[in-house]
Amino acid sequence: MDPILDKARAGQNFLEKIMNAIPGFKGYRDKELRRDADRLQREHVAARLETCKKVLNELSVGATRSGDLSIVNDIETARKRLDKVVARIRYADRGYAGFFAAVKVDEAALQRVYEFDLSLIDGAESVRSAGQQAADHPDGAKAGVSQMIQAIDDLDTRMADREAILGGLE
């Protein structure tokens, strides 16, 4: 069901497996594994989005060489928003602060956050796809960059939804 989480559980050493037999520790350890899996997933999404900068750079170079400066502002807007959402994804709250944390996040919320972070891959793919469309069709690059900005904004909104889940607002 949770491929990354299952992989993390399978990678436990002998001592960790023994410690899981201690009452209460297994649940704590599972939350730690879930947090690590969530971080790895978000790092993957952020790295995937970082690759979109190359497309933006190529579009910017092509636009300046052709003298079409009308798209340069849109490219810079996309680049700034992309940087913002990448940082927001990469450095987002992990959902579980530890064994003695003052604010606890219940297991259901952690599962929702984990599933939510898995769905961020689709958003990152939408950004990448819009950027690639703009690169492949230079005559329609402005529309492609606009789609890319919309996809980035959608991801940013989804990150706000994620924060609401962790804050107990949803």
Protein backbone atom coordinates (compact mmCIF):
# COMPACT_ATOMS: atom_id res chain seq x y z
CA MET A 1 0.00 0.00 0.00
CA ASP A 2 2.79 2.46 0.94
CA PRO A 3 5.75 1.42 -1.22
CA ILE A 4 8.23 3.90 0.24
CA LEU A 5 7.15 3.14 3.81
CA ASP A 6 7.36 -0.62 3.17
CA LYS A 7 10.85 -0.17 1.77
CA ALA A 8 11.90 1.78 4.87
CA ARG A 9 10.48 -0.94 7.14
CA ALA A 10 12.31 -3.65 5.18
CA GLY A 11 15.60 -1.80 5.64
CA GLN A 12 15.52 -2.06 9.43
CA ASN A 13 18.49 -3.74 11.05
CA PHE A 14 18.30 -6.54 13.61
CA LEU A 15 18.50 -4.20 16.61
CA GLU A 16 15.64 -2.06 15.30
CA LYS A 17 13.52 -5.16 14.82
CA ILE A 18 14.18 -6.20 18.41
CA MET A 19 13.33 -2.71 19.68
CA ASN A 20 9.99 -2.96 17.86
CA ALA A 21 9.05 -5.67 20.37
CA ILE A 22 9.10 -3.10 23.19
CA PRO A 23 5.51 -2.03 23.96
CA GLY A 24 4.80 1.42 22.56
CA PHE A 25 8.10 1.67 20.71
CA LYS A 26 6.86 0.05 17.50
CA GLY A 27 4.23 2.77 17.01
CA TYR A 28 6.82 5.44 17.65
CA ARG A 29 9.25 3.78 15.23
CA ASP A 30 6.55 3.48 12.55
CA LYS A 31 5.86 7.20 12.84
CA GLU A 32 9.58 7.90 12.49
CA LEU A 33 9.74 5.70 9.38
CA ARG A 34 6.68 7.43 7.95
CA ARG A 35 8.32 10.80 8.58
CA ASP A 36 11.50 9.67 6.82
CA ALA A 37 9.53 8.25 3.88
CA ASP A 38 7.57 11.49 3.64
CA ARG A 39 10.79 13.53 3.59
CA LEU A 40 12.27 11.33 0.86
CA GLN A 41 9.11 11.66 -1.21
CA ARG A 42 9.06 15.44 -0.90
CA GLU A 43 12.76 15.63 -1.77
CA HIS A 44 12.07 13.57 -4.91
CA VAL A 45 9.26 15.93 -5.94
CA ALA A 46 11.42 19.00 -5.27
CA ALA A 47 14.29 17.56 -7.32
CA ARG A 48 11.88 16.76 -10.15
CA LEU A 49 10.64 20.35 -10.12
CA GLU A 50 14.22 21.67 -10.09
CA THR A 51 14.71 20.10 -13.52
CA CYS A 52 12.10 22.51 -14.88
CA LYS A 53 14.54 25.37 -14.38
CA LYS A 54 16.59 24.08 -17.28
CA VAL A 55 13.58 24.43 -19.58
CA LEU A 56 12.97 27.96 -18.31
CA ASN A 57 16.61 28.86 -18.91
CA GLU A 58 16.45 27.52 -22.46
CA LEU A 59 13.23 29.43 -23.13
CA SER A 60 14.78 32.62 -21.77
CA VAL A 61 17.86 32.26 -23.94
CA GLY A 62 15.74 31.50 -27.01
CA ALA A 63 13.46 34.47 -26.37
CA THR A 64 16.32 36.93 -25.93
CA ARG A 65 18.12 35.65 -29.02
CA SER A 66 15.00 35.93 -31.14
CA GLY A 67 14.20 39.37 -29.75
CA ASP A 68 10.85 38.24 -28.31
CA LEU A 69 11.17 39.99 -24.97
CA SER A 70 7.44 39.86 -24.26
CA ILE A 71 7.79 36.38 -22.77
CA VAL A 72 10.83 37.12 -20.58
CA ASN A 73 8.72 38.57 -17.74
CA ASP A 74 6.50 35.46 -17.76
CA ILE A 75 9.58 33.22 -17.66
CA GLU A 76 10.96 35.14 -14.69
CA THR A 77 7.59 34.93 -12.94
CA ALA A 78 7.56 31.17 -13.50
CA ARG A 79 11.14 30.87 -12.23
CA LYS A 80 10.42 32.82 -9.02
CA ARG A 81 7.24 30.91 -8.29
CA LEU A 82 8.98 27.63 -9.05
CA ASP A 83 11.76 28.49 -6.58
CA LYS A 84 9.14 29.34 -3.96
CA VAL A 85 7.15 26.12 -4.35
CA VAL A 86 10.31 23.96 -4.48
CA ALA A 87 11.46 25.46 -1.18
CA ARG A 88 7.99 25.05 0.29
CA ILE A 89 7.91 21.37 -0.65
CA ARG A 90 11.50 20.62 0.36
CA TYR A 91 11.30 22.33 3.76
CA ALA A 92 7.68 21.55 4.67
CA ASP A 93 6.81 20.34 8.14
CA ARG A 94 7.36 16.64 8.52
CA GLY A 95 4.08 15.98 10.26
CA TYR A 96 5.44 14.36 13.39
CA ALA A 97 7.77 16.14 15.74
CA GLY A 98 8.92 13.25 17.93
CA PHE A 99 8.17 11.21 21.00
CA PHE A 100 7.93 14.07 23.50
CA ALA A 101 6.51 16.75 21.21
CA ALA A 102 4.07 19.25 22.70
CA VAL A 103 1.83 19.15 19.63
CA LYS A 104 0.86 15.67 18.52
CA VAL A 105 -0.42 14.77 15.06
CA ASP A 106 -2.70 11.74 15.01
CA GLU A 107 -2.10 8.70 12.83
CA ALA A 108 -5.00 9.49 10.47
CA ALA A 109 -3.60 12.97 9.78
CA LEU A 110 -0.14 11.50 9.19
CA GLN A 111 -1.60 9.05 6.67
CA ARG A 112 -3.44 11.87 4.89
CA VAL A 113 -0.24 13.93 4.72
CA TYR A 114 1.71 10.95 3.40
CA GLU A 115 -0.91 10.28 0.70
CA PHE A 116 -1.05 13.99 -0.04
CA ASP A 117 2.73 14.10 -0.57
CA LEU A 118 2.51 11.12 -2.90
CA SER A 119 -0.04 13.03 -4.97
CA LEU A 120 2.39 15.94 -5.33
CA ILE A 121 4.13 13.87 -8.01
CA ASP A 122 1.14 14.50 -10.30
CA GLY A 123 1.44 18.24 -9.72
CA ALA A 124 5.17 18.18 -10.44
CA GLU A 125 4.48 16.24 -13.63
CA SER A 126 1.95 18.90 -14.72
CA VAL A 127 4.58 21.61 -14.24
CA ARG A 128 7.19 19.59 -16.13
CA SER A 129 4.75 18.77 -18.93
CA ALA A 130 3.72 22.42 -19.41
CA GLY A 131 7.36 23.46 -19.51
CA GLN A 132 8.21 20.78 -22.02
CA GLN A 133 5.26 21.81 -24.19
CA ALA A 134 6.55 25.39 -24.17
CA ALA A 135 10.05 24.20 -25.13
CA ASP A 136 8.78 21.90 -27.89
CA HIS A 137 6.55 24.56 -29.47
CA PRO A 138 8.43 27.89 -29.45
CA ASP A 139 5.60 29.62 -31.33
CA GLY A 140 3.26 28.77 -28.43
CA ALA A 141 5.83 29.25 -25.68
CA LYS A 142 3.90 32.08 -24.04
CA ALA A 143 0.84 29.86 -23.60
CA GLY A 144 3.03 27.01 -22.33
CA VAL A 145 4.71 29.27 -19.77
CA SER A 146 1.27 30.51 -18.66
CA GLN A 147 0.17 26.88 -18.17
CA MET A 148 3.36 26.25 -16.25
CA ILE A 149 2.69 29.22 -13.95
CA GLN A 150 -0.85 27.92 -13.35
CA ALA A 151 0.47 24.43 -12.52
CA ILE A 152 3.03 25.94 -10.12
CA ASP A 153 0.32 28.01 -8.45
CA ASP A 154 -1.83 24.89 -8.10
CA LEU A 155 1.05 23.13 -6.35
CA ASP A 156 1.50 26.11 -4.04
CA THR A 157 -2.20 25.97 -3.15
CA ARG A 158 -1.91 22.24 -2.46
CA MET A 159 0.97 22.93 -0.08
CA ALA A 160 -1.30 25.35 1.80
CA ASP A 161 -3.86 22.54 2.04
CA ARG A 162 -1.13 20.24 3.43
CA GLU A 163 -0.27 22.81 6.09
CA ALA A 164 -3.96 23.01 7.01
CA ILE A 165 -4.05 19.24 7.54
CA LEU A 166 -1.03 19.39 9.84
CA GLY A 167 -2.41 22.42 11.67
CA GLY A 168 -5.63 20.52 12.38
CA LEU A 169 -7.66 23.00 10.37
CA GLU A 170 -8.98 20.43 7.93
